Amino acid sequence: MESETVDQTSAGASAQLAASVKILIAGGFGVGKTTMVSAISEIAPLRTEELITEVSAGVDDLSGIEQKRTTTVALDFGRITIDQNLVLYLFGTPGQDRFWFLWEELSRGALGAVVLVDTRRLGDSFAAVDFFEGRGLSFEVGVNRFDGAPDYTADEVREALDLDPHIPVVFCDARSRESSKDVLLTLVQHLIERADPARGVR
């Protein structure tokens, strides 16, 4: 009886772990990572933002985002329950080059990532794409629609970032909870398809 109880407890713990999925929200400086985590999290998000000082303004490229006043220096953390079987834990990465050493640690245990991009500065997204491709971590590209930004098609974004055909490209407004949730649902579906051999996706 004791053995059976232990087995049931272990099975319950495994099911709970299986329902908890770590997702990274990554991308370049100022693309909307903190905004997305804040918009969608069902708990008060943990944010590690600091004011952009004159010193950092001289180091970080603020082209196109001159009005930005704060920056993430470690991570953003939030949580969203998709349904009774799936909870996503969201980790927003810092965007500046000097904090990229944190990405390696943040990516441990993650099942997938959203690479947010700003079409005004697509070149800033190459490092994030290369990071996840190099580590074999599944990801999708979320195009955050900024006011006044160039309006490209998904195919144009895919070509500009030299993405493989299977990588989803979705458009979103990181300020919107529903829009951000759609991005995450697309990523979850992508992860399911990649993990299911019956679908013929490697």
N, C-alpha and C. Protein backbone atom coordinates (compact mmCIF):
# COMPACT_ATOMS: atom_id res chain seq x y z
N MET A 1 0.83 -1.21 0.00
CA MET A 1 0.00 0.00 0.00
C MET A 1 0.86 1.25 0.00
N GLU A 2 1.92 1.22 0.81
CA GLU A 2 2.82 2.37 0.86
C GLU A 2 3.47 2.62 -0.49
N SER A 3 3.88 1.54 -1.15
CA SER A 3 4.51 1.65 -2.46
C SER A 3 3.54 2.24 -3.47
N GLU A 4 2.27 1.82 -3.37
CA GLU A 4 1.26 2.33 -4.29
C GLU A 4 1.04 3.81 -4.07
N THR A 5 1.05 4.23 -2.80
CA THR A 5 0.87 5.65 -2.49
C THR A 5 2.01 6.48 -3.05
N VAL A 6 3.24 5.96 -2.91
CA VAL A 6 4.41 6.66 -3.43
C VAL A 6 4.32 6.78 -4.94
N ASP A 7 3.92 5.69 -5.61
CA ASP A 7 3.79 5.71 -7.06
C ASP A 7 2.76 6.74 -7.50
N GLN A 8 1.64 6.81 -6.79
CA GLN A 8 0.59 7.77 -7.14
C GLN A 8 1.08 9.19 -6.94
N THR A 9 1.82 9.41 -5.84
CA THR A 9 2.37 10.74 -5.57
C THR A 9 3.34 11.16 -6.66
N SER A 10 4.21 10.20 -7.05
CA SER A 10 5.18 10.50 -8.11
C SER A 10 4.49 10.81 -9.42
N ALA A 11 3.44 10.03 -9.73
CA ALA A 11 2.70 10.26 -10.97
C ALA A 11 2.04 11.62 -10.96
N GLY A 12 1.49 11.99 -9.79
CA GLY A 12 0.85 13.30 -9.69
C GLY A 12 1.84 14.43 -9.86
N ALA A 13 3.04 14.26 -9.27
CA ALA A 13 4.08 15.27 -9.40
C ALA A 13 4.53 15.39 -10.84
N SER A 14 4.67 14.23 -11.53
CA SER A 14 5.10 14.25 -12.94
C SER A 14 4.08 14.97 -13.80
N ALA A 15 2.79 14.71 -13.53
CA ALA A 15 1.74 15.36 -14.31
C ALA A 15 1.78 16.86 -14.11
N GLN A 16 2.04 17.27 -12.84
CA GLN A 16 2.08 18.69 -12.55
C GLN A 16 3.25 19.36 -13.28
N LEU A 17 4.41 18.66 -13.28
CA LEU A 17 5.57 19.19 -13.97
C LEU A 17 5.32 19.26 -15.48
N ALA A 18 4.66 18.25 -16.01
CA ALA A 18 4.40 18.20 -17.44
C ALA A 18 3.50 19.35 -17.88
N ALA A 19 2.65 19.84 -16.96
CA ALA A 19 1.70 20.89 -17.29
C ALA A 19 2.34 22.28 -17.18
N SER A 20 3.56 22.34 -16.64
CA SER A 20 4.24 23.62 -16.46
C SER A 20 5.32 23.77 -17.53
N VAL A 21 5.19 24.76 -18.36
CA VAL A 21 6.09 24.94 -19.49
C VAL A 21 6.79 26.30 -19.41
N LYS A 22 8.09 26.28 -19.53
CA LYS A 22 8.89 27.51 -19.50
C LYS A 22 9.06 28.04 -20.92
N ILE A 23 8.68 29.30 -21.10
CA ILE A 23 8.77 29.95 -22.41
C ILE A 23 9.58 31.24 -22.27
N LEU A 24 10.48 31.48 -23.21
CA LEU A 24 11.24 32.73 -23.22
C LEU A 24 10.58 33.74 -24.14
N ILE A 25 10.57 34.99 -23.71
CA ILE A 25 10.15 36.11 -24.56
C ILE A 25 11.43 36.91 -24.82
N ALA A 26 11.95 36.79 -26.03
CA ALA A 26 13.27 37.33 -26.33
C ALA A 26 13.20 38.33 -27.49
N GLY A 27 14.35 38.90 -27.79
CA GLY A 27 14.42 39.86 -28.88
C GLY A 27 15.39 40.98 -28.56
N GLY A 28 15.50 41.91 -29.48
CA GLY A 28 16.42 43.02 -29.30
C GLY A 28 15.94 44.04 -28.29
N PHE A 29 16.71 45.09 -28.15
CA PHE A 29 16.44 46.16 -27.20
C PHE A 29 15.19 46.94 -27.62
N GLY A 30 14.22 47.05 -26.70
CA GLY A 30 13.07 47.91 -26.94
C GLY A 30 12.01 47.35 -27.88
N VAL A 31 11.93 46.02 -28.05
CA VAL A 31 10.95 45.45 -28.99
C VAL A 31 9.60 45.15 -28.34
N GLY A 32 9.52 45.26 -26.99
CA GLY A 32 8.24 45.06 -26.34
C GLY A 32 8.13 43.83 -25.45
N LYS A 33 9.27 43.28 -25.04
CA LYS A 33 9.25 42.06 -24.23
C LYS A 33 8.59 42.29 -22.87
N THR A 34 9.01 43.34 -22.18
CA THR A 34 8.43 43.66 -20.88
C THR A 34 6.95 43.98 -21.01
N THR A 35 6.61 44.68 -22.07
CA THR A 35 5.21 45.04 -22.32
C THR A 35 4.36 43.80 -22.49
N MET A 36 4.84 42.83 -23.26
CA MET A 36 4.07 41.60 -23.50
C MET A 36 3.88 40.81 -22.21
N VAL A 37 4.96 40.61 -21.45
CA VAL A 37 4.85 39.86 -20.21
C VAL A 37 3.87 40.54 -19.26
N SER A 38 3.94 41.86 -19.17
CA SER A 38 3.05 42.61 -18.29
C SER A 38 1.61 42.52 -18.74
N ALA A 39 1.38 42.53 -20.06
CA ALA A 39 0.02 42.52 -20.60
C ALA A 39 -0.67 41.19 -20.37
N ILE A 40 0.08 40.11 -20.40
CA ILE A 40 -0.56 38.79 -20.41
C ILE A 40 -0.50 38.07 -19.07
N SER A 41 0.41 38.45 -18.19
CA SER A 41 0.58 37.70 -16.96
C SER A 41 -0.64 37.80 -16.05
N GLU A 42 -1.06 36.66 -15.49
CA GLU A 42 -2.19 36.62 -14.58
C GLU A 42 -1.78 36.92 -13.15
N ILE A 43 -0.48 37.02 -12.91
CA ILE A 43 0.04 37.44 -11.62
C ILE A 43 0.77 38.75 -11.83
N ALA A 44 1.01 39.47 -10.74
CA ALA A 44 1.79 40.70 -10.86
C ALA A 44 3.18 40.33 -11.37
N PRO A 45 3.56 40.81 -12.55
CA PRO A 45 4.84 40.38 -13.13
C PRO A 45 6.02 40.89 -12.34
N LEU A 46 7.06 40.07 -12.28
CA LEU A 46 8.33 40.50 -11.72
C LEU A 46 9.10 41.21 -12.82
N ARG A 47 9.51 42.44 -12.55
CA ARG A 47 10.26 43.19 -13.55
C ARG A 47 11.54 43.71 -12.93
N THR A 48 12.62 43.70 -13.70
CA THR A 48 13.90 44.22 -13.23
C THR A 48 14.32 45.37 -14.14
N GLU A 49 13.50 46.39 -14.18
CA GLU A 49 13.77 47.54 -15.04
C GLU A 49 14.50 48.64 -14.27
N GLU A 50 15.38 49.29 -14.97
CA GLU A 50 16.09 50.44 -14.42
C GLU A 50 15.99 51.59 -15.42
N LEU A 51 16.12 52.80 -14.91
CA LEU A 51 16.09 53.96 -15.78
C LEU A 51 17.31 53.96 -16.69
N ILE A 52 17.11 54.37 -17.92
CA ILE A 52 18.22 54.51 -18.86
C ILE A 52 18.96 55.80 -18.50
N THR A 53 20.19 55.65 -18.09
CA THR A 53 20.99 56.81 -17.71
C THR A 53 21.73 57.36 -18.93
N GLU A 54 22.37 58.49 -18.74
CA GLU A 54 23.13 59.08 -19.83
C GLU A 54 24.26 58.14 -20.26
N VAL A 55 24.82 57.40 -19.30
CA VAL A 55 25.90 56.48 -19.62
C VAL A 55 25.39 55.36 -20.51
N SER A 56 24.25 54.73 -20.11
CA SER A 56 23.72 53.63 -20.91
C SER A 56 23.21 54.12 -22.24
N ALA A 57 22.69 55.33 -22.29
CA ALA A 57 22.22 55.89 -23.55
C ALA A 57 23.36 56.01 -24.55
N GLY A 58 24.57 56.16 -24.04
CA GLY A 58 25.72 56.23 -24.93
C GLY A 58 26.20 54.88 -25.39
N VAL A 59 25.79 53.82 -24.66
CA VAL A 59 26.20 52.46 -25.00
C VAL A 59 25.15 51.76 -25.85
N ASP A 60 23.88 51.89 -25.45
CA ASP A 60 22.79 51.21 -26.14
C ASP A 60 22.31 52.04 -27.33
N ASP A 61 21.97 51.35 -28.41
CA ASP A 61 21.48 52.00 -29.61
C ASP A 61 20.01 52.34 -29.43
N LEU A 62 19.70 53.63 -29.30
CA LEU A 62 18.32 54.07 -29.10
C LEU A 62 17.67 54.56 -30.39
N SER A 63 18.29 54.25 -31.52
CA SER A 63 17.74 54.69 -32.80
C SER A 63 16.34 54.12 -33.00
N GLY A 64 15.39 55.01 -33.20
CA GLY A 64 14.01 54.58 -33.42
C GLY A 64 13.21 54.42 -32.14
N ILE A 65 13.88 54.41 -31.00
CA ILE A 65 13.19 54.27 -29.71
C ILE A 65 13.72 55.33 -28.74
N GLU A 66 13.87 56.53 -29.24
CA GLU A 66 14.46 57.59 -28.43
C GLU A 66 13.65 57.93 -27.18
N GLN A 67 12.36 57.60 -27.19
CA GLN A 67 11.51 57.92 -26.05
C GLN A 67 11.58 56.87 -24.94
N LYS A 68 12.32 55.78 -25.15
CA LYS A 68 12.41 54.72 -24.15
C LYS A 68 13.16 55.24 -22.93
N ARG A 69 12.59 55.01 -21.74
CA ARG A 69 13.16 55.55 -20.51
C ARG A 69 13.67 54.48 -19.55
N THR A 70 13.24 53.23 -19.72
CA THR A 70 13.68 52.16 -18.83
C THR A 70 14.19 50.99 -19.64
N THR A 71 14.93 50.10 -18.97
CA THR A 71 15.48 48.93 -19.63
C THR A 71 15.53 47.75 -18.66
N THR A 72 15.30 46.55 -19.17
CA THR A 72 15.39 45.34 -18.36
C THR A 72 16.85 44.95 -18.18
N VAL A 73 17.26 44.75 -16.92
CA VAL A 73 18.66 44.43 -16.65
C VAL A 73 18.86 42.99 -16.22
N ALA A 74 17.82 42.23 -16.00
CA ALA A 74 17.98 40.81 -15.65
C ALA A 74 16.92 39.98 -16.36
N LEU A 75 15.65 40.10 -15.93
CA LEU A 75 14.59 39.34 -16.58
C LEU A 75 13.24 39.92 -16.19
N ASP A 76 12.23 39.55 -16.96
CA ASP A 76 10.83 39.76 -16.60
C ASP A 76 10.25 38.37 -16.37
N PHE A 77 9.32 38.27 -15.42
CA PHE A 77 8.72 36.96 -15.15
C PHE A 77 7.22 37.10 -14.99
N GLY A 78 6.48 36.21 -15.66
CA GLY A 78 5.04 36.20 -15.54
C GLY A 78 4.50 34.79 -15.73
N ARG A 79 3.20 34.63 -15.55
CA ARG A 79 2.57 33.32 -15.69
C ARG A 79 1.19 33.48 -16.31
N ILE A 80 0.84 32.52 -17.16
CA ILE A 80 -0.50 32.49 -17.73
C ILE A 80 -0.99 31.05 -17.79
N THR A 81 -2.21 30.82 -17.34
CA THR A 81 -2.83 29.50 -17.41
C THR A 81 -3.62 29.41 -18.70
N ILE A 82 -3.22 28.50 -19.58
CA ILE A 82 -3.92 28.31 -20.85
C ILE A 82 -5.20 27.54 -20.62
N ASP A 83 -5.10 26.42 -19.90
CA ASP A 83 -6.27 25.65 -19.48
C ASP A 83 -5.85 24.83 -18.27
N GLN A 84 -6.71 23.92 -17.81
CA GLN A 84 -6.41 23.16 -16.59
C GLN A 84 -5.22 22.23 -16.75
N ASN A 85 -4.80 22.01 -17.97
CA ASN A 85 -3.69 21.10 -18.23
C ASN A 85 -2.38 21.79 -18.59
N LEU A 86 -2.40 23.10 -18.73
CA LEU A 86 -1.21 23.79 -19.23
C LEU A 86 -1.05 25.17 -18.62
N VAL A 87 0.09 25.37 -17.97
CA VAL A 87 0.47 26.66 -17.41
C VAL A 87 1.80 27.08 -18.04
N LEU A 88 1.86 28.30 -18.56
CA LEU A 88 3.09 28.81 -19.16
C LEU A 88 3.76 29.77 -18.20
N TYR A 89 5.03 29.55 -17.96
CA TYR A 89 5.85 30.47 -17.17
C TYR A 89 6.72 31.26 -18.14
N LEU A 90 6.57 32.56 -18.11
CA LEU A 90 7.19 33.42 -19.11
C LEU A 90 8.41 34.13 -18.53
N PHE A 91 9.51 34.05 -19.26
CA PHE A 91 10.75 34.70 -18.85
C PHE A 91 11.17 35.65 -19.97
N GLY A 92 11.08 36.95 -19.70
CA GLY A 92 11.51 37.94 -20.67
C GLY A 92 12.99 38.22 -20.51
N THR A 93 13.72 38.16 -21.60
CA THR A 93 15.17 38.34 -21.54
C THR A 93 15.54 39.81 -21.72
N PRO A 94 16.69 40.23 -21.19
CA PRO A 94 17.19 41.57 -21.46
C PRO A 94 17.62 41.67 -22.92
N GLY A 95 17.49 42.86 -23.48
CA GLY A 95 17.76 43.00 -24.90
C GLY A 95 19.12 43.54 -25.27
N GLN A 96 19.78 44.24 -24.34
CA GLN A 96 21.05 44.86 -24.70
C GLN A 96 22.17 43.83 -24.78
N ASP A 97 23.13 44.12 -25.65
CA ASP A 97 24.24 43.20 -25.88
C ASP A 97 24.96 42.84 -24.59
N ARG A 98 25.14 43.80 -23.70
CA ARG A 98 25.96 43.55 -22.52
C ARG A 98 25.30 42.62 -21.50
N PHE A 99 24.00 42.33 -21.68
CA PHE A 99 23.30 41.43 -20.77
C PHE A 99 23.02 40.07 -21.39
N TRP A 100 23.53 39.83 -22.59
CA TRP A 100 23.22 38.57 -23.27
C TRP A 100 23.82 37.35 -22.59
N PHE A 101 24.80 37.54 -21.70
CA PHE A 101 25.35 36.39 -20.98
C PHE A 101 24.27 35.73 -20.12
N LEU A 102 23.19 36.47 -19.79
CA LEU A 102 22.10 35.91 -19.00
C LEU A 102 21.22 34.97 -19.82
N TRP A 103 21.23 35.12 -21.13
CA TRP A 103 20.35 34.30 -21.97
C TRP A 103 20.63 32.81 -21.79
N GLU A 104 21.90 32.45 -21.69
CA GLU A 104 22.27 31.05 -21.57
C GLU A 104 21.60 30.42 -20.35
N GLU A 105 21.65 31.13 -19.22
CA GLU A 105 21.05 30.61 -18.00
C GLU A 105 19.53 30.61 -18.10
N LEU A 106 18.95 31.67 -18.65
CA LEU A 106 17.50 31.75 -18.75
C LEU A 106 16.93 30.69 -19.68
N SER A 107 17.71 30.26 -20.66
CA SER A 107 17.21 29.29 -21.64
C SER A 107 17.19 27.86 -21.10
N ARG A 108 17.84 27.62 -19.98
CA ARG A 108 17.88 26.27 -19.41
C ARG A 108 16.47 25.82 -19.03
N GLY A 109 16.05 24.68 -19.54
CA GLY A 109 14.75 24.14 -19.21
C GLY A 109 13.60 24.70 -20.03
N ALA A 110 13.88 25.66 -20.92
CA ALA A 110 12.81 26.24 -21.74
C ALA A 110 12.45 25.29 -22.87
N LEU A 111 11.16 25.22 -23.19
CA LEU A 111 10.71 24.38 -24.30
C LEU A 111 10.59 25.16 -25.60
N GLY A 112 10.51 26.47 -25.51
CA GLY A 112 10.36 27.27 -26.72
C GLY A 112 10.52 28.75 -26.41
N ALA A 113 10.50 29.56 -27.47
CA ALA A 113 10.70 30.99 -27.30
C ALA A 113 9.91 31.77 -28.34
N VAL A 114 9.56 32.99 -27.95
CA VAL A 114 9.01 33.98 -28.88
C VAL A 114 10.11 35.01 -29.11
N VAL A 115 10.48 35.22 -30.36
CA VAL A 115 11.42 36.29 -30.70
C VAL A 115 10.60 37.47 -31.19
N LEU A 116 10.47 38.49 -30.36
CA LEU A 116 9.74 39.69 -30.76
C LEU A 116 10.63 40.55 -31.65
N VAL A 117 10.04 41.12 -32.70
CA VAL A 117 10.80 41.98 -33.59
C VAL A 117 10.06 43.27 -33.85
N ASP A 118 10.83 44.29 -34.17
CA ASP A 118 10.33 45.61 -34.54
C ASP A 118 10.76 45.82 -35.99
N THR A 119 9.81 46.00 -36.90
CA THR A 119 10.16 46.10 -38.32
C THR A 119 10.98 47.34 -38.64
N ARG A 120 11.04 48.29 -37.72
CA ARG A 120 11.90 49.45 -37.92
C ARG A 120 13.37 49.09 -37.71
N ARG A 121 13.61 47.97 -37.02
CA ARG A 121 14.98 47.59 -36.67
C ARG A 121 15.12 46.06 -36.74
N LEU A 122 14.80 45.50 -37.90
CA LEU A 122 14.85 44.04 -38.05
C LEU A 122 16.24 43.48 -37.81
N GLY A 123 17.25 44.27 -38.11
CA GLY A 123 18.63 43.79 -37.93
C GLY A 123 18.96 43.45 -36.50
N ASP A 124 18.24 44.06 -35.55
CA ASP A 124 18.49 43.79 -34.13
C ASP A 124 18.02 42.40 -33.72
N SER A 125 17.29 41.73 -34.60
CA SER A 125 16.70 40.43 -34.25
C SER A 125 17.59 39.25 -34.63
N PHE A 126 18.61 39.48 -35.44
CA PHE A 126 19.44 38.38 -35.91
C PHE A 126 20.11 37.62 -34.77
N ALA A 127 20.57 38.34 -33.75
CA ALA A 127 21.27 37.69 -32.65
C ALA A 127 20.37 36.71 -31.92
N ALA A 128 19.11 37.10 -31.69
CA ALA A 128 18.17 36.22 -31.00
C ALA A 128 17.86 34.99 -31.85
N VAL A 129 17.63 35.20 -33.14
CA VAL A 129 17.35 34.08 -34.04
C VAL A 129 18.54 33.12 -34.06
N ASP A 130 19.75 33.66 -34.18
CA ASP A 130 20.95 32.82 -34.20
C ASP A 130 21.11 32.05 -32.89
N PHE A 131 20.79 32.71 -31.77
CA PHE A 131 20.94 32.08 -30.46
C PHE A 131 20.09 30.81 -30.36
N PHE A 132 18.81 30.92 -30.73
CA PHE A 132 17.92 29.77 -30.60
C PHE A 132 18.17 28.71 -31.67
N GLU A 133 18.51 29.14 -32.88
CA GLU A 133 18.86 28.17 -33.91
C GLU A 133 20.09 27.38 -33.51
N GLY A 134 21.07 28.06 -32.93
CA GLY A 134 22.31 27.40 -32.55
C GLY A 134 22.13 26.38 -31.43
N ARG A 135 21.10 26.56 -30.63
CA ARG A 135 20.86 25.65 -29.50
C ARG A 135 19.72 24.68 -29.77
N GLY A 136 19.16 24.74 -30.98
CA GLY A 136 18.11 23.81 -31.34
C GLY A 136 16.83 24.02 -30.55
N LEU A 137 16.60 25.23 -30.04
CA LEU A 137 15.40 25.52 -29.27
C LEU A 137 14.33 26.07 -30.21
N SER A 138 13.16 25.43 -30.22
CA SER A 138 12.07 25.86 -31.10
C SER A 138 11.62 27.27 -30.75
N PHE A 139 11.33 28.05 -31.78
CA PHE A 139 10.88 29.41 -31.54
C PHE A 139 9.96 29.87 -32.67
N GLU A 140 9.28 30.96 -32.41
CA GLU A 140 8.50 31.63 -33.44
C GLU A 140 8.88 33.10 -33.42
N VAL A 141 8.53 33.81 -34.46
CA VAL A 141 8.79 35.25 -34.54
C VAL A 141 7.46 35.99 -34.39
N GLY A 142 7.44 36.89 -33.41
CA GLY A 142 6.27 37.73 -33.21
C GLY A 142 6.59 39.15 -33.66
N VAL A 143 5.89 39.63 -34.66
CA VAL A 143 6.13 40.98 -35.19
C VAL A 143 5.25 41.96 -34.42
N ASN A 144 5.87 42.74 -33.56
CA ASN A 144 5.14 43.71 -32.74
C ASN A 144 4.84 44.94 -33.60
N ARG A 145 3.58 45.24 -33.76
CA ARG A 145 3.16 46.34 -34.64
C ARG A 145 3.27 47.69 -33.91
N PHE A 146 4.35 48.40 -34.16
CA PHE A 146 4.54 49.73 -33.59
C PHE A 146 3.90 50.76 -34.50
N ASP A 147 3.37 51.80 -33.92
CA ASP A 147 2.79 52.89 -34.70
C ASP A 147 3.85 53.49 -35.62
N GLY A 148 3.52 53.62 -36.89
CA GLY A 148 4.43 54.23 -37.84
C GLY A 148 5.52 53.32 -38.36
N ALA A 149 5.52 52.04 -37.94
CA ALA A 149 6.54 51.10 -38.42
C ALA A 149 6.19 50.60 -39.81
N PRO A 150 7.18 50.22 -40.61
CA PRO A 150 6.91 49.66 -41.95
C PRO A 150 6.02 48.44 -41.85
N ASP A 151 5.11 48.30 -42.80
CA ASP A 151 4.15 47.21 -42.79
C ASP A 151 4.59 46.13 -43.78
N TYR A 152 5.24 45.09 -43.29
CA TYR A 152 5.72 44.01 -44.12
C TYR A 152 4.80 42.80 -44.01
N THR A 153 4.83 41.94 -45.01
CA THR A 153 4.10 40.68 -44.94
C THR A 153 4.93 39.66 -44.16
N ALA A 154 4.28 38.58 -43.77
CA ALA A 154 4.99 37.51 -43.06
C ALA A 154 6.12 36.95 -43.92
N ASP A 155 5.87 36.79 -45.21
CA ASP A 155 6.90 36.26 -46.11
C ASP A 155 8.09 37.21 -46.20
N GLU A 156 7.83 38.50 -46.21
CA GLU A 156 8.91 39.48 -46.28
C GLU A 156 9.75 39.46 -45.00
N VAL A 157 9.09 39.32 -43.86
CA VAL A 157 9.83 39.22 -42.59
C VAL A 157 10.65 37.94 -42.58
N ARG A 158 10.04 36.84 -43.03
CA ARG A 158 10.73 35.55 -43.06
C ARG A 158 11.99 35.63 -43.94
N GLU A 159 11.85 36.27 -45.09
CA GLU A 159 12.99 36.39 -46.00
C GLU A 159 14.07 37.29 -45.40
N ALA A 160 13.65 38.41 -44.79
CA ALA A 160 14.61 39.34 -44.22
C ALA A 160 15.42 38.71 -43.09
N LEU A 161 14.78 37.83 -42.30
CA LEU A 161 15.46 37.19 -41.18
C LEU A 161 16.04 35.83 -41.55
N ASP A 162 15.86 35.42 -42.82
CA ASP A 162 16.38 34.15 -43.32
C ASP A 162 15.91 32.98 -42.46
N LEU A 163 14.59 32.93 -42.23
CA LEU A 163 14.00 31.91 -41.38
C LEU A 163 13.67 30.65 -42.17
N ASP A 164 13.76 29.51 -41.49
CA ASP A 164 13.33 28.26 -42.10
C ASP A 164 11.82 28.29 -42.31
N PRO A 165 11.31 27.58 -43.31
CA PRO A 165 9.87 27.64 -43.64
C PRO A 165 8.95 27.21 -42.50
N HIS A 166 9.43 26.33 -41.60
CA HIS A 166 8.54 25.81 -40.55
C HIS A 166 8.37 26.77 -39.37
N ILE A 167 9.18 27.83 -39.30
CA ILE A 167 9.11 28.74 -38.16
C ILE A 167 7.94 29.70 -38.33
N PRO A 168 7.00 29.73 -37.39
CA PRO A 168 5.84 30.62 -37.51
C PRO A 168 6.24 32.09 -37.42
N VAL A 169 5.57 32.91 -38.21
CA VAL A 169 5.70 34.37 -38.11
C VAL A 169 4.30 34.92 -37.88
N VAL A 170 4.09 35.56 -36.73
CA VAL A 170 2.77 36.08 -36.39
C VAL A 170 2.88 37.56 -36.05
N PHE A 171 1.80 38.29 -36.32
CA PHE A 171 1.76 39.72 -36.02
C PHE A 171 0.99 39.94 -34.73
N CYS A 172 1.39 40.93 -33.96
CA CYS A 172 0.76 41.14 -32.67
C CYS A 172 0.88 42.58 -32.20
N ASP A 173 0.11 42.88 -31.17
CA ASP A 173 0.25 44.13 -30.42
C ASP A 173 0.60 43.71 -29.00
N ALA A 174 1.85 43.90 -28.60
CA ALA A 174 2.32 43.42 -27.31
C ALA A 174 1.58 44.07 -26.14
N ARG A 175 0.86 45.16 -26.39
CA ARG A 175 0.11 45.82 -25.32
C ARG A 175 -1.21 45.12 -25.05
N SER A 176 -1.63 44.26 -25.97
CA SER A 176 -2.93 43.60 -25.87
C SER A 176 -2.80 42.20 -25.29
N ARG A 177 -3.58 41.92 -24.26
CA ARG A 177 -3.56 40.59 -23.65
C ARG A 177 -4.00 39.53 -24.65
N GLU A 178 -5.07 39.77 -25.38
CA GLU A 178 -5.58 38.77 -26.32
C GLU A 178 -4.60 38.54 -27.46
N SER A 179 -4.02 39.61 -27.98
CA SER A 179 -3.06 39.47 -29.06
C SER A 179 -1.83 38.69 -28.59
N SER A 180 -1.35 39.01 -27.40
CA SER A 180 -0.18 38.31 -26.86
C SER A 180 -0.51 36.85 -26.59
N LYS A 181 -1.73 36.58 -26.13
CA LYS A 181 -2.13 35.19 -25.88
C LYS A 181 -2.16 34.40 -27.19
N ASP A 182 -2.62 35.03 -28.27
CA ASP A 182 -2.63 34.36 -29.56
C ASP A 182 -1.21 33.97 -29.99
N VAL A 183 -0.25 34.85 -29.70
CA VAL A 183 1.15 34.54 -30.02
C VAL A 183 1.60 33.29 -29.28
N LEU A 184 1.28 33.21 -28.00
CA LEU A 184 1.69 32.06 -27.20
C LEU A 184 0.99 30.78 -27.64
N LEU A 185 -0.28 30.88 -27.98
CA LEU A 185 -1.01 29.70 -28.45
C LEU A 185 -0.42 29.17 -29.75
N THR A 186 0.01 30.08 -30.63
CA THR A 186 0.65 29.67 -31.87
C THR A 186 1.96 28.94 -31.58
N LEU A 187 2.70 29.45 -30.60
CA LEU A 187 3.96 28.79 -30.23
C LEU A 187 3.68 27.41 -29.65
N VAL A 188 2.68 27.30 -28.77
CA VAL A 188 2.35 26.00 -28.18
C VAL A 188 1.98 24.99 -29.27
N GLN A 189 1.18 25.42 -30.24
CA GLN A 189 0.81 24.54 -31.35
C GLN A 189 2.04 24.13 -32.15
N HIS A 190 2.95 25.07 -32.34
CA HIS A 190 4.19 24.78 -33.06
C HIS A 190 5.01 23.74 -32.31
N LEU A 191 5.08 23.87 -30.98
CA LEU A 191 5.84 22.91 -30.17
C LEU A 191 5.21 21.52 -30.24
N ILE A 192 3.87 21.47 -30.23
CA ILE A 192 3.17 20.19 -30.32
C ILE A 192 3.45 19.52 -31.66
N GLU A 193 3.40 20.29 -32.73
CA GLU A 193 3.65 19.75 -34.07
C GLU A 193 5.08 19.26 -34.21
N ARG A 194 6.01 19.97 -33.62
CA ARG A 194 7.42 19.57 -33.71
C ARG A 194 7.69 18.30 -32.92
N ALA A 195 6.90 18.09 -31.85
CA ALA A 195 7.14 16.94 -30.98
C ALA A 195 6.36 15.70 -31.41
N ASP A 196 5.44 15.86 -32.37
CA ASP A 196 4.56 14.76 -32.76
C ASP A 196 5.02 14.15 -34.08
N PRO A 197 5.71 13.01 -34.05
CA PRO A 197 6.22 12.39 -35.28
C PRO A 197 5.10 12.07 -36.28
N ALA A 198 3.90 11.83 -35.79
CA ALA A 198 2.79 11.45 -36.67
C ALA A 198 2.44 12.59 -37.62
N ARG A 199 2.81 13.80 -37.23
CA ARG A 199 2.52 14.95 -38.10
C ARG A 199 3.60 15.17 -39.14
N GLY A 200 4.67 14.39 -39.04
CA GLY A 200 5.74 14.48 -40.03
C GLY A 200 6.59 15.71 -39.88
N VAL A 201 6.62 16.29 -38.65
CA VAL A 201 7.44 17.47 -38.41
C VAL A 201 8.64 17.06 -37.56
N ARG A 202 9.82 17.40 -37.98
CA ARG A 202 11.01 17.02 -37.24
C ARG A 202 11.28 18.02 -36.13
